[in-house]
Structures are given as C-alpha cells and as structure tokens.
Amino acid sequence: MKPARIILVRHGESLGNIDKSLYAHTPDHAVPLTKKGRKQAQQAGQDIRQLIGSESVYSYCSPWIRTTQTLEGITEAIQGNIVRSIEDPRIREQDWGHYKEEAFLAQENAARKEYGKFYFRLQDGESGADVFDRVSTFLETLHRDFDKPDYPDNALIVTHGVTLLVFLMRWFHWTVQEFEAYRNPKNCQVVVIEREDSGRYKILSELERYSEETGA
C-alpha cells in the first residue's frame, strides 16, 4: 500500500554547520546537533504531528549522530504514531572523506561548486553521482516495503541535505541540471511529497533555488 505521504527531513543544525574546524579531528558521522538543532528537531516533530494527526508512520533514518538525534527530537511529538523505525546507511550524508583542515574544505567546496556538485568527487569521498547510486538501491527497498498490504499511512525519512535532494532527483526523474539548480534544504526543513488520486506523488514544499544571475 503506497503511503499517503513521504516526509523527508534534513537533520537539525549540527556543530559542523557552525564550526568547520571540527572536521580536522572529528569524524563526520560523529558530529552532533547543537542546542538549536535539537530545538529544530522538536519543532519539526510538532509540524509533522499537525500534518499527520493520528496517522501511522514508518521511519527510516541515516545512522549518523546528527540524524539519529534529529529523529529523537521528532519522536517526542509523534512517538505514538511510529509503528516501525529502522536505520539505513544508504541514506547517510555524502562522504567528504576523512579528517580535513578548514582551509582545505573551503578550497574543495569552491572547486566542487565550479565543477558541479553532482559529478565532482571529493578527495577520499563521494560525488553526488555516487550518492545517486546508493539512494537508487534504497528506493528499491522502499518500493518493496510499499507493496506490503499493512504499510503505514506515512513514510518518514530523516537524512542529509545532498541525500535529500538526490532522493527527490531519483524519485521525480530530475535531470542533472535540475538537481544542480537547487540549494540544500535548510536544517530540519520538512519536505512533504503527497500522493494524488492518480497514485502519483507531488511535492508540496517549496525548495530554494540558486540565483541564475549570481549562482549564489
């Protein structure tokens, strides 16, 4: 049974979002939320609760600390709605490699923007195309889950910015150019995809685009 909605959430504000020097000594997967990020997660949970009411939820979550903490905050508001919750490494963040100094990260990010974020492969890490490949296999699992007759009313996916955009790209068959046009969702932005009477899905949420004039 296809869910009425697929609800995607980027993690809340993390320490890495406000202090890039952290990546010189802390693994990306171990970067936690800030206090603001935890509050954002709680607010996202309240927003989701208003959206779904008493409907049931099947949640999928990246295993990284900032996403699991985000799900914890969301769960405070919808705990009674969740019938099953699993972690799936395939929806983790784009791999930026191992420990990197802040100056190197800035240089690499600038090169990535110039080259194109879908094809540029980060040193010791992944390209957006690599993320596309593993998200594609995650969708295969998702569709198998949807075929179950007792699948819940909503699918909740707690993930990361690039991964969330790649999911939308894969789901809606965006071109690479269309993917490149969008900014990452904001921290704890809730992106809702709703099923129409035809069985197809549409995005209800606004996604921010880069300026065509400045590219910013």
N, C-alpha and C. Protein backbone atom coordinates (compact mmCIF):
# COMPACT_ATOMS: atom_id res chain seq x y z
N MET A 1 0.84 -1.20 0.00
CA MET A 1 0.00 0.00 0.00
C MET A 1 0.87 1.25 0.00
N LYS A 2 0.75 2.06 -1.01
CA LYS A 2 1.54 3.28 -1.06
C LYS A 2 1.12 4.23 0.06
N PRO A 3 2.07 4.86 0.74
CA PRO A 3 1.70 5.80 1.80
C PRO A 3 1.07 7.06 1.24
N ALA A 4 0.28 7.73 2.06
CA ALA A 4 -0.34 8.99 1.65
C ALA A 4 0.72 10.06 1.44
N ARG A 5 1.79 9.98 2.23
CA ARG A 5 2.86 10.97 2.15
C ARG A 5 4.22 10.32 2.37
N ILE A 6 5.22 10.90 1.71
CA ILE A 6 6.62 10.65 2.03
C ILE A 6 7.15 11.95 2.61
N ILE A 7 7.59 11.90 3.85
CA ILE A 7 8.03 13.10 4.55
C ILE A 7 9.54 13.02 4.74
N LEU A 8 10.27 13.94 4.12
CA LEU A 8 11.72 13.95 4.21
C LEU A 8 12.17 15.11 5.10
N VAL A 9 13.13 14.84 5.98
CA VAL A 9 13.63 15.87 6.89
C VAL A 9 15.15 15.87 6.87
N ARG A 10 15.72 17.04 6.63
CA ARG A 10 17.16 17.17 6.81
C ARG A 10 17.42 17.32 8.31
N HIS A 11 18.57 16.84 8.78
CA HIS A 11 18.92 16.94 10.20
C HIS A 11 18.94 18.39 10.67
N GLY A 12 18.83 18.58 11.97
CA GLY A 12 18.92 19.92 12.55
C GLY A 12 20.34 20.47 12.51
N GLU A 13 20.47 21.71 12.94
CA GLU A 13 21.79 22.34 12.95
C GLU A 13 22.78 21.51 13.75
N SER A 14 23.96 21.23 13.15
CA SER A 14 24.99 20.45 13.84
C SER A 14 26.18 21.35 14.17
N LEU A 15 27.05 20.83 14.99
CA LEU A 15 28.27 21.58 15.31
C LEU A 15 29.09 21.83 14.06
N GLY A 16 29.04 20.90 13.12
CA GLY A 16 29.77 21.07 11.88
C GLY A 16 29.22 22.17 10.99
N ASN A 17 27.94 22.48 11.14
CA ASN A 17 27.35 23.58 10.37
C ASN A 17 27.87 24.94 10.81
N ILE A 18 28.28 25.04 12.09
CA ILE A 18 28.71 26.34 12.61
C ILE A 18 30.21 26.42 12.86
N ASP A 19 30.91 25.29 12.80
CA ASP A 19 32.35 25.29 13.06
C ASP A 19 33.03 24.23 12.19
N LYS A 20 33.53 24.67 11.03
CA LYS A 20 34.15 23.74 10.07
C LYS A 20 35.47 23.19 10.58
N SER A 21 36.09 23.84 11.57
CA SER A 21 37.36 23.34 12.10
C SER A 21 37.18 22.00 12.80
N LEU A 22 35.95 21.67 13.13
CA LEU A 22 35.63 20.40 13.80
C LEU A 22 36.08 19.20 12.96
N TYR A 23 36.04 19.36 11.63
CA TYR A 23 36.31 18.23 10.75
C TYR A 23 37.79 17.87 10.68
N ALA A 24 38.64 18.66 11.32
CA ALA A 24 40.06 18.32 11.37
C ALA A 24 40.34 17.22 12.38
N HIS A 25 39.38 16.97 13.29
CA HIS A 25 39.62 15.98 14.35
C HIS A 25 38.40 15.13 14.71
N THR A 26 37.25 15.41 14.13
CA THR A 26 36.04 14.66 14.46
C THR A 26 35.46 14.01 13.21
N PRO A 27 35.21 12.70 13.22
CA PRO A 27 34.59 12.06 12.05
C PRO A 27 33.22 12.67 11.76
N ASP A 28 32.92 12.83 10.48
CA ASP A 28 31.65 13.45 10.10
C ASP A 28 30.45 12.73 10.71
N HIS A 29 30.52 11.41 10.75
CA HIS A 29 29.38 10.64 11.27
C HIS A 29 29.15 10.86 12.75
N ALA A 30 30.15 11.40 13.46
CA ALA A 30 30.05 11.59 14.91
C ALA A 30 29.73 13.02 15.32
N VAL A 31 29.47 13.90 14.35
CA VAL A 31 29.18 15.31 14.66
C VAL A 31 27.75 15.42 15.18
N PRO A 32 27.56 15.95 16.40
CA PRO A 32 26.23 16.01 17.00
C PRO A 32 25.47 17.29 16.66
N LEU A 33 24.23 17.34 17.07
CA LEU A 33 23.43 18.55 16.94
C LEU A 33 23.85 19.59 17.97
N THR A 34 23.59 20.84 17.66
CA THR A 34 23.71 21.92 18.65
C THR A 34 22.40 21.97 19.45
N LYS A 35 22.37 22.82 20.46
CA LYS A 35 21.12 23.01 21.21
C LYS A 35 20.02 23.54 20.29
N LYS A 36 20.41 24.44 19.39
CA LYS A 36 19.45 24.96 18.41
C LYS A 36 18.95 23.83 17.53
N GLY A 37 19.84 22.93 17.12
CA GLY A 37 19.46 21.81 16.27
C GLY A 37 18.45 20.89 16.95
N ARG A 38 18.64 20.68 18.25
CA ARG A 38 17.69 19.84 18.99
C ARG A 38 16.30 20.48 19.05
N LYS A 39 16.28 21.80 19.23
CA LYS A 39 15.00 22.51 19.25
C LYS A 39 14.35 22.47 17.87
N GLN A 40 15.17 22.58 16.83
CA GLN A 40 14.64 22.48 15.47
C GLN A 40 13.99 21.12 15.25
N ALA A 41 14.62 20.07 15.76
CA ALA A 41 14.07 18.72 15.60
C ALA A 41 12.73 18.58 16.33
N GLN A 42 12.65 19.15 17.51
CA GLN A 42 11.40 19.11 18.26
C GLN A 42 10.29 19.85 17.52
N GLN A 43 10.65 21.01 16.94
CA GLN A 43 9.66 21.78 16.17
C GLN A 43 9.22 21.01 14.93
N ALA A 44 10.18 20.35 14.26
CA ALA A 44 9.82 19.55 13.09
C ALA A 44 8.84 18.45 13.47
N GLY A 45 9.05 17.84 14.64
CA GLY A 45 8.13 16.82 15.11
C GLY A 45 6.74 17.37 15.33
N GLN A 46 6.65 18.56 15.88
CA GLN A 46 5.34 19.18 16.10
C GLN A 46 4.66 19.51 14.77
N ASP A 47 5.47 19.97 13.80
CA ASP A 47 4.91 20.28 12.48
C ASP A 47 4.39 19.01 11.80
N ILE A 48 5.15 17.93 11.94
CA ILE A 48 4.73 16.66 11.35
C ILE A 48 3.46 16.15 12.03
N ARG A 49 3.39 16.31 13.34
CA ARG A 49 2.21 15.86 14.08
C ARG A 49 0.95 16.60 13.61
N GLN A 50 1.10 17.89 13.36
CA GLN A 50 -0.04 18.66 12.85
C GLN A 50 -0.45 18.18 11.47
N LEU A 51 0.53 17.76 10.68
CA LEU A 51 0.26 17.30 9.32
C LEU A 51 -0.44 15.96 9.29
N ILE A 52 -0.01 15.01 10.12
CA ILE A 52 -0.49 13.63 10.02
C ILE A 52 -1.58 13.28 11.02
N GLY A 53 -1.75 14.10 12.05
CA GLY A 53 -2.77 13.77 13.04
C GLY A 53 -2.50 12.45 13.72
N SER A 54 -3.45 11.53 13.62
CA SER A 54 -3.31 10.21 14.27
C SER A 54 -2.81 9.14 13.31
N GLU A 55 -2.41 9.52 12.11
CA GLU A 55 -1.97 8.54 11.12
C GLU A 55 -0.67 7.85 11.53
N SER A 56 -0.45 6.67 11.00
CA SER A 56 0.74 5.87 11.34
C SER A 56 1.95 6.26 10.49
N VAL A 57 3.14 5.91 11.01
CA VAL A 57 4.40 6.31 10.38
C VAL A 57 5.39 5.15 10.41
N TYR A 58 6.10 4.99 9.30
CA TYR A 58 7.26 4.08 9.21
C TYR A 58 8.46 4.98 8.98
N SER A 59 9.42 4.98 9.89
CA SER A 59 10.54 5.92 9.75
C SER A 59 11.82 5.21 9.32
N TYR A 60 12.59 5.91 8.48
CA TYR A 60 13.90 5.48 8.01
C TYR A 60 14.87 6.60 8.38
N CYS A 61 16.02 6.22 8.89
CA CYS A 61 16.94 7.24 9.39
C CYS A 61 18.39 6.88 9.04
N SER A 62 19.13 7.89 8.62
CA SER A 62 20.58 7.73 8.48
C SER A 62 21.16 7.39 9.85
N PRO A 63 22.19 6.54 9.94
CA PRO A 63 22.73 6.15 11.24
C PRO A 63 23.68 7.17 11.86
N TRP A 64 23.92 8.31 11.22
CA TRP A 64 24.85 9.30 11.76
C TRP A 64 24.25 9.99 12.98
N ILE A 65 25.10 10.47 13.86
CA ILE A 65 24.65 11.00 15.14
C ILE A 65 23.64 12.14 14.96
N ARG A 66 23.92 13.07 14.05
CA ARG A 66 23.03 14.22 13.93
C ARG A 66 21.66 13.86 13.38
N THR A 67 21.58 12.80 12.59
CA THR A 67 20.27 12.38 12.10
C THR A 67 19.52 11.57 13.15
N THR A 68 20.21 10.70 13.86
CA THR A 68 19.52 9.93 14.91
C THR A 68 19.04 10.86 16.03
N GLN A 69 19.82 11.90 16.34
CA GLN A 69 19.38 12.87 17.33
C GLN A 69 18.18 13.67 16.82
N THR A 70 18.17 13.93 15.52
CA THR A 70 17.03 14.64 14.93
C THR A 70 15.77 13.78 15.03
N LEU A 71 15.90 12.50 14.72
CA LEU A 71 14.75 11.61 14.84
C LEU A 71 14.27 11.53 16.28
N GLU A 72 15.18 11.54 17.23
CA GLU A 72 14.79 11.53 18.64
C GLU A 72 13.92 12.74 18.96
N GLY A 73 14.32 13.91 18.46
CA GLY A 73 13.53 15.11 18.70
C GLY A 73 12.17 15.04 18.05
N ILE A 74 12.12 14.53 16.83
CA ILE A 74 10.85 14.39 16.13
C ILE A 74 9.95 13.40 16.86
N THR A 75 10.56 12.32 17.35
CA THR A 75 9.80 11.26 18.00
C THR A 75 9.09 11.73 19.26
N GLU A 76 9.63 12.75 19.92
CA GLU A 76 8.97 13.29 21.10
C GLU A 76 7.53 13.69 20.80
N ALA A 77 7.29 14.15 19.56
CA ALA A 77 5.95 14.61 19.19
C ALA A 77 5.10 13.51 18.54
N ILE A 78 5.74 12.52 17.90
CA ILE A 78 4.96 11.53 17.13
C ILE A 78 5.24 10.10 17.57
N GLN A 79 5.73 9.92 18.78
CA GLN A 79 6.12 8.57 19.24
C GLN A 79 4.98 7.57 19.08
N GLY A 80 3.77 7.97 19.40
CA GLY A 80 2.63 7.06 19.31
C GLY A 80 2.24 6.73 17.89
N ASN A 81 2.73 7.52 16.94
CA ASN A 81 2.39 7.30 15.53
C ASN A 81 3.31 6.30 14.85
N ILE A 82 4.54 6.17 15.35
CA ILE A 82 5.55 5.36 14.68
C ILE A 82 5.34 3.88 14.97
N VAL A 83 5.11 3.10 13.91
CA VAL A 83 4.90 1.67 14.09
C VAL A 83 6.19 0.89 13.87
N ARG A 84 7.13 1.48 13.14
CA ARG A 84 8.44 0.85 12.97
C ARG A 84 9.46 1.92 12.60
N SER A 85 10.70 1.73 13.09
CA SER A 85 11.76 2.68 12.81
C SER A 85 13.05 1.91 12.54
N ILE A 86 13.70 2.18 11.42
CA ILE A 86 14.94 1.48 11.10
C ILE A 86 16.01 2.48 10.67
N GLU A 87 17.27 2.10 10.85
CA GLU A 87 18.39 2.87 10.34
C GLU A 87 18.83 2.26 9.00
N ASP A 88 19.22 3.12 8.07
CA ASP A 88 19.69 2.62 6.78
C ASP A 88 20.90 3.44 6.34
N PRO A 89 22.09 2.84 6.31
CA PRO A 89 23.31 3.57 5.93
C PRO A 89 23.28 4.14 4.52
N ARG A 90 22.40 3.65 3.67
CA ARG A 90 22.36 4.14 2.29
C ARG A 90 21.85 5.57 2.19
N ILE A 91 21.20 6.06 3.23
CA ILE A 91 20.72 7.44 3.21
C ILE A 91 21.59 8.34 4.10
N ARG A 92 22.85 7.93 4.30
CA ARG A 92 23.80 8.75 5.05
C ARG A 92 24.21 9.97 4.21
N GLU A 93 24.98 10.87 4.83
CA GLU A 93 25.48 12.05 4.14
C GLU A 93 26.45 11.68 3.02
N GLN A 94 26.58 12.56 2.04
CA GLN A 94 27.65 12.41 1.05
C GLN A 94 28.97 12.34 1.77
N ASP A 95 29.80 11.37 1.43
CA ASP A 95 31.08 11.17 2.12
C ASP A 95 32.08 12.23 1.67
N TRP A 96 32.52 13.06 2.63
CA TRP A 96 33.50 14.10 2.34
C TRP A 96 34.92 13.65 2.62
N GLY A 97 35.12 12.37 2.90
CA GLY A 97 36.46 11.86 3.17
C GLY A 97 36.78 11.88 4.65
N HIS A 98 38.07 11.79 4.95
CA HIS A 98 38.49 11.69 6.34
C HIS A 98 38.78 13.07 6.92
N TYR A 99 39.57 13.14 7.96
CA TYR A 99 39.84 14.42 8.61
C TYR A 99 40.39 15.44 7.61
N LYS A 100 39.83 16.65 7.64
CA LYS A 100 40.27 17.69 6.72
C LYS A 100 40.31 19.04 7.44
N GLU A 101 41.37 19.79 7.18
CA GLU A 101 41.50 21.12 7.75
C GLU A 101 40.47 22.05 7.11
N GLU A 102 40.10 23.08 7.87
CA GLU A 102 39.06 24.01 7.41
C GLU A 102 39.43 24.68 6.09
N ALA A 103 40.69 25.09 5.93
CA ALA A 103 41.12 25.77 4.71
C ALA A 103 40.99 24.85 3.50
N PHE A 104 41.35 23.57 3.68
CA PHE A 104 41.23 22.62 2.58
C PHE A 104 39.77 22.40 2.21
N LEU A 105 38.90 22.31 3.22
CA LEU A 105 37.48 22.13 2.96
C LEU A 105 36.92 23.28 2.13
N ALA A 106 37.35 24.50 2.47
CA ALA A 106 36.88 25.68 1.73
C ALA A 106 37.33 25.61 0.27
N GLN A 107 38.58 25.22 0.04
CA GLN A 107 39.10 25.11 -1.32
C GLN A 107 38.36 24.02 -2.10
N GLU A 108 38.14 22.91 -1.44
CA GLU A 108 37.47 21.78 -2.10
C GLU A 108 36.02 22.13 -2.44
N ASN A 109 35.36 22.82 -1.53
CA ASN A 109 33.97 23.20 -1.76
C ASN A 109 33.86 24.19 -2.91
N ALA A 110 34.82 25.12 -3.01
CA ALA A 110 34.83 26.08 -4.12
C ALA A 110 35.02 25.35 -5.45
N ALA A 111 35.93 24.38 -5.47
CA ALA A 111 36.16 23.60 -6.69
C ALA A 111 34.92 22.80 -7.06
N ARG A 112 34.25 22.28 -6.07
CA ARG A 112 33.02 21.49 -6.30
C ARG A 112 31.93 22.35 -6.92
N LYS A 113 31.78 23.57 -6.42
CA LYS A 113 30.76 24.47 -6.98
C LYS A 113 31.06 24.81 -8.43
N GLU A 114 32.34 25.01 -8.74
CA GLU A 114 32.73 25.36 -10.10
C GLU A 114 32.56 24.17 -11.05
N TYR A 115 32.91 22.99 -10.58
CA TYR A 115 32.87 21.79 -11.41
C TYR A 115 31.44 21.27 -11.59
N GLY A 116 30.64 21.40 -10.51
CA GLY A 116 29.29 20.84 -10.49
C GLY A 116 29.19 19.81 -9.38
N LYS A 117 28.25 20.02 -8.46
CA LYS A 117 28.21 19.17 -7.26
C LYS A 117 27.75 17.74 -7.52
N PHE A 118 27.15 17.49 -8.69
CA PHE A 118 26.72 16.12 -8.96
C PHE A 118 27.89 15.23 -9.37
N TYR A 119 28.80 15.75 -10.17
CA TYR A 119 29.88 14.93 -10.70
C TYR A 119 31.20 15.06 -9.94
N PHE A 120 31.39 16.14 -9.19
CA PHE A 120 32.67 16.35 -8.52
C PHE A 120 32.84 15.33 -7.39
N ARG A 121 33.94 14.56 -7.45
CA ARG A 121 34.20 13.59 -6.39
C ARG A 121 35.17 14.19 -5.38
N LEU A 122 34.74 14.21 -4.14
CA LEU A 122 35.54 14.76 -3.06
C LEU A 122 36.73 13.85 -2.75
N GLN A 123 37.82 14.43 -2.32
CA GLN A 123 39.02 13.64 -2.01
C GLN A 123 38.71 12.61 -0.92
N ASP A 124 38.98 11.36 -1.20
CA ASP A 124 38.68 10.24 -0.30
C ASP A 124 37.18 10.09 -0.04
N GLY A 125 36.36 10.74 -0.87
CA GLY A 125 34.93 10.71 -0.62
C GLY A 125 34.11 10.36 -1.85
N GLU A 126 32.93 10.95 -1.94
CA GLU A 126 31.97 10.62 -2.98
C GLU A 126 31.61 11.83 -3.83
N SER A 127 31.05 11.55 -4.96
CA SER A 127 30.38 12.57 -5.78
C SER A 127 28.88 12.46 -5.53
N GLY A 128 28.13 13.45 -6.02
CA GLY A 128 26.68 13.34 -5.96
C GLY A 128 26.19 12.14 -6.73
N ALA A 129 26.88 11.79 -7.83
CA ALA A 129 26.50 10.62 -8.62
C ALA A 129 26.65 9.33 -7.82
N ASP A 130 27.66 9.28 -6.95
CA ASP A 130 27.82 8.10 -6.08
C ASP A 130 26.64 7.99 -5.11
N VAL A 131 26.22 9.13 -4.57
CA VAL A 131 25.07 9.14 -3.67
C VAL A 131 23.82 8.68 -4.42
N PHE A 132 23.69 9.12 -5.67
CA PHE A 132 22.56 8.72 -6.51
C PHE A 132 22.48 7.19 -6.60
N ASP A 133 23.62 6.53 -6.79
CA ASP A 133 23.63 5.08 -6.95
C ASP A 133 23.12 4.37 -5.70
N ARG A 134 23.57 4.81 -4.52
CA ARG A 134 23.12 4.10 -3.32
C ARG A 134 21.68 4.48 -2.93
N VAL A 135 21.28 5.71 -3.22
CA VAL A 135 19.88 6.09 -2.98
C VAL A 135 18.96 5.29 -3.89
N SER A 136 19.43 4.97 -5.09
CA SER A 136 18.63 4.16 -6.01
C SER A 136 18.33 2.78 -5.42
N THR A 137 19.31 2.19 -4.77
CA THR A 137 19.07 0.88 -4.14
C THR A 137 18.16 1.02 -2.92
N PHE A 138 18.25 2.15 -2.22
CA PHE A 138 17.34 2.40 -1.10
C PHE A 138 15.90 2.49 -1.60
N LEU A 139 15.69 3.13 -2.75
CA LEU A 139 14.34 3.22 -3.31
C LEU A 139 13.78 1.85 -3.66
N GLU A 140 14.65 0.93 -4.09
CA GLU A 140 14.19 -0.42 -4.36
C GLU A 140 13.60 -1.05 -3.10
N THR A 141 14.29 -0.85 -1.97
CA THR A 141 13.78 -1.35 -0.69
C THR A 141 12.47 -0.66 -0.32
N LEU A 142 12.43 0.65 -0.54
CA LEU A 142 11.25 1.42 -0.20
C LEU A 142 10.03 0.92 -0.98
N HIS A 143 10.20 0.68 -2.26
CA HIS A 143 9.08 0.19 -3.08
C HIS A 143 8.64 -1.20 -2.64
N ARG A 144 9.58 -2.04 -2.23
CA ARG A 144 9.20 -3.36 -1.71
C ARG A 144 8.39 -3.20 -0.42
N ASP A 145 8.80 -2.27 0.43
CA ASP A 145 8.04 -2.00 1.65
C ASP A 145 6.64 -1.50 1.32
N PHE A 146 6.55 -0.62 0.32
CA PHE A 146 5.25 -0.07 -0.06
C PHE A 146 4.29 -1.14 -0.55
N ASP A 147 4.83 -2.24 -1.06
CA ASP A 147 3.98 -3.32 -1.57
C ASP A 147 3.31 -4.13 -0.46
N LYS A 148 3.75 -3.93 0.77
CA LYS A 148 3.16 -4.66 1.87
C LYS A 148 1.75 -4.13 2.15
N PRO A 149 0.78 -5.02 2.34
CA PRO A 149 -0.62 -4.58 2.50
C PRO A 149 -0.88 -3.76 3.76
N ASP A 150 -0.02 -3.91 4.76
CA ASP A 150 -0.24 -3.20 6.02
C ASP A 150 0.74 -2.03 6.21
N TYR A 151 1.30 -1.51 5.08
CA TYR A 151 2.26 -0.42 5.21
C TYR A 151 1.56 0.80 5.82
N PRO A 152 2.25 1.52 6.72
CA PRO A 152 1.64 2.67 7.40
C PRO A 152 1.22 3.80 6.45
N ASP A 153 0.52 4.78 7.00
CA ASP A 153 -0.02 5.89 6.22
C ASP A 153 1.06 6.82 5.69
N ASN A 154 2.19 6.90 6.40
CA ASN A 154 3.25 7.84 6.04
C ASN A 154 4.62 7.19 6.14
N ALA A 155 5.51 7.58 5.22
CA ALA A 155 6.93 7.21 5.31
C ALA A 155 7.70 8.46 5.73
N LEU A 156 8.50 8.35 6.77
CA LEU A 156 9.33 9.44 7.25
C LEU A 156 10.79 9.08 7.00
N ILE A 157 11.53 9.97 6.33
CA ILE A 157 12.94 9.73 6.01
C ILE A 157 13.76 10.88 6.59
N VAL A 158 14.61 10.58 7.57
CA VAL A 158 15.45 11.59 8.21
C VAL A 158 16.86 11.41 7.67
N THR A 159 17.35 12.42 6.96
CA THR A 159 18.58 12.25 6.22
C THR A 159 19.40 13.55 6.19
N HIS A 160 20.12 13.79 5.10
CA HIS A 160 21.05 14.91 4.98
C HIS A 160 20.71 15.72 3.72
N GLY A 161 21.30 16.91 3.61
CA GLY A 161 20.92 17.82 2.54
C GLY A 161 21.10 17.27 1.13
N VAL A 162 22.32 16.87 0.78
CA VAL A 162 22.57 16.34 -0.56
C VAL A 162 21.76 15.08 -0.79
N THR A 163 21.71 14.20 0.18
CA THR A 163 20.98 12.94 0.04
C THR A 163 19.50 13.19 -0.18
N LEU A 164 18.95 14.18 0.51
CA LEU A 164 17.54 14.51 0.34
C LEU A 164 17.27 14.98 -1.09
N LEU A 165 18.13 15.86 -1.60
CA LEU A 165 17.96 16.34 -2.98
C LEU A 165 18.12 15.20 -3.99
N VAL A 166 19.08 14.32 -3.74
CA VAL A 166 19.29 13.19 -4.64
C VAL A 166 18.06 12.27 -4.61
N PHE A 167 17.47 12.09 -3.45
CA PHE A 167 16.24 11.29 -3.36
C PHE A 167 15.16 11.90 -4.25
N LEU A 168 14.97 13.21 -4.17
CA LEU A 168 13.96 13.88 -5.00
C LEU A 168 14.32 13.75 -6.48
N MET A 169 15.60 13.88 -6.78
CA MET A 169 16.06 13.73 -8.17
C MET A 169 15.71 12.34 -8.70
N ARG A 170 15.99 11.34 -7.90
CA ARG A 170 15.73 9.95 -8.31
C ARG A 170 14.23 9.68 -8.40
N TRP A 171 13.47 10.18 -7.43
CA TRP A 171 12.04 9.91 -7.37
C TRP A 171 11.29 10.56 -8.53
N PHE A 172 11.63 11.83 -8.80
CA PHE A 172 10.91 12.60 -9.81
C PHE A 172 11.64 12.65 -11.17
N HIS A 173 12.72 11.89 -11.29
CA HIS A 173 13.45 11.79 -12.56
C HIS A 173 13.97 13.15 -13.04
N TRP A 174 14.52 13.92 -12.08
CA TRP A 174 15.13 15.19 -12.46
C TRP A 174 16.37 14.94 -13.32
N THR A 175 16.67 15.89 -14.16
CA THR A 175 17.95 15.86 -14.87
C THR A 175 19.04 16.36 -13.92
N VAL A 176 20.29 16.17 -14.33
CA VAL A 176 21.41 16.69 -13.54
C VAL A 176 21.31 18.20 -13.44
N GLN A 177 20.92 18.86 -14.50
CA GLN A 177 20.78 20.31 -14.49
C GLN A 177 19.72 20.75 -13.49
N GLU A 178 18.62 20.03 -13.42
CA GLU A 178 17.58 20.36 -12.44
C GLU A 178 18.09 20.17 -11.02
N PHE A 179 18.82 19.09 -10.79
CA PHE A 179 19.41 18.85 -9.47
C PHE A 179 20.35 19.98 -9.07
N GLU A 180 21.19 20.40 -10.00
CA GLU A 180 22.17 21.44 -9.71
C GLU A 180 21.52 22.78 -9.40
N ALA A 181 20.29 22.98 -9.82
CA ALA A 181 19.61 24.27 -9.64
C ALA A 181 19.14 24.50 -8.21
N TYR A 182 19.07 23.43 -7.40
CA TYR A 182 18.50 23.56 -6.05
C TYR A 182 19.57 23.65 -4.97
N ARG A 183 19.30 24.50 -4.00
CA ARG A 183 20.11 24.55 -2.79
C ARG A 183 19.72 23.39 -1.89
N ASN A 184 20.61 23.03 -0.97
CA ASN A 184 20.24 22.06 0.05
C ASN A 184 19.08 22.61 0.89
N PRO A 185 18.16 21.76 1.32
CA PRO A 185 17.13 22.22 2.26
C PRO A 185 17.79 22.76 3.53
N LYS A 186 17.09 23.64 4.21
CA LYS A 186 17.59 24.19 5.47
C LYS A 186 17.59 23.11 6.55
N ASN A 187 18.32 23.35 7.62
CA ASN A 187 18.34 22.41 8.73
C ASN A 187 16.93 22.17 9.26
N CYS A 188 16.56 20.92 9.34
CA CYS A 188 15.26 20.46 9.82
C CYS A 188 14.09 20.94 8.96
N GLN A 189 14.37 21.31 7.71
CA GLN A 189 13.26 21.60 6.80
C GLN A 189 12.50 20.31 6.53
N VAL A 190 11.19 20.40 6.59
CA VAL A 190 10.32 19.26 6.33
C VAL A 190 9.83 19.37 4.89
N VAL A 191 10.17 18.37 4.08
CA VAL A 191 9.78 18.34 2.67
C VAL A 191 8.73 17.25 2.50
N VAL A 192 7.54 17.64 2.08
CA VAL A 192 6.42 16.72 2.01
C VAL A 192 6.10 16.37 0.56
N ILE A 193 6.02 15.07 0.29
CA ILE A 193 5.58 14.56 -1.00
C ILE A 193 4.24 13.85 -0.74
N GLU A 194 3.22 14.25 -1.46
CA GLU A 194 1.88 13.70 -1.19
C GLU A 194 1.35 12.93 -2.39
N ARG A 195 0.67 11.82 -2.10
CA ARG A 195 0.09 11.00 -3.16
C ARG A 195 -1.22 11.61 -3.66
N GLU A 196 -1.34 11.73 -4.97
CA GLU A 196 -2.57 12.24 -5.57
C GLU A 196 -3.52 11.08 -5.87
N ASP A 197 -4.74 11.41 -6.28
CA ASP A 197 -5.73 10.36 -6.59
C ASP A 197 -5.25 9.43 -7.69
N SER A 198 -4.40 9.94 -8.56
CA SER A 198 -3.87 9.12 -9.66
C SER A 198 -2.84 8.10 -9.19
N GLY A 199 -2.39 8.26 -7.94
CA GLY A 199 -1.34 7.38 -7.42
C GLY A 199 0.04 7.97 -7.55
N ARG A 200 0.18 9.06 -8.31
CA ARG A 200 1.45 9.74 -8.46
C ARG A 200 1.65 10.69 -7.29
N TYR A 201 2.89 11.10 -7.10
CA TYR A 201 3.22 11.99 -5.98
C TYR A 201 3.64 13.37 -6.47
N LYS A 202 3.36 14.37 -5.67
CA LYS A 202 3.79 15.74 -5.97
C LYS A 202 4.43 16.35 -4.73
N ILE A 203 5.35 17.28 -4.94
CA ILE A 203 5.99 17.97 -3.83
C ILE A 203 5.10 19.13 -3.38
N LEU A 204 4.81 19.17 -2.09
CA LEU A 204 4.01 20.26 -1.54
C LEU A 204 4.89 21.39 -0.99
N SER A 205 6.15 21.11 -0.74
CA SER A 205 7.05 22.05 -0.08
C SER A 205 7.84 22.88 -1.09
N GLU A 206 8.17 24.10 -0.69
CA GLU A 206 8.99 24.98 -1.52
C GLU A 206 10.47 24.62 -1.34
N LEU A 207 11.19 24.52 -2.44
CA LEU A 207 12.62 24.27 -2.40
C LEU A 207 13.34 25.50 -2.96
N GLU A 208 14.39 25.91 -2.28
CA GLU A 208 15.11 27.11 -2.68
C GLU A 208 16.08 26.83 -3.82
N ARG A 209 16.07 27.71 -4.82
CA ARG A 209 16.95 27.56 -5.97
C ARG A 209 18.11 28.55 -5.88
N TYR A 210 19.18 28.22 -6.59
CA TYR A 210 20.27 29.17 -6.74
C TYR A 210 19.84 30.27 -7.69
N SER A 211 20.38 31.46 -7.49
CA SER A 211 20.10 32.56 -8.38
C SER A 211 20.74 32.30 -9.74
N GLU A 212 19.98 32.45 -10.81
CA GLU A 212 20.51 32.22 -12.15
C GLU A 212 21.58 33.25 -12.52
N GLU A 213 21.46 34.46 -11.94
CA GLU A 213 22.40 35.53 -12.28
C GLU A 213 23.73 35.40 -11.56
N THR A 214 23.66 35.06 -10.28
CA THR A 214 24.87 35.03 -9.46
C THR A 214 25.36 33.64 -9.15
N GLY A 215 24.47 32.64 -9.26
CA GLY A 215 24.83 31.29 -8.87
C GLY A 215 24.92 31.11 -7.38
N ALA A 216 24.47 32.12 -6.62
CA ALA A 216 24.55 32.07 -5.14
C ALA A 216 23.20 31.77 -4.52
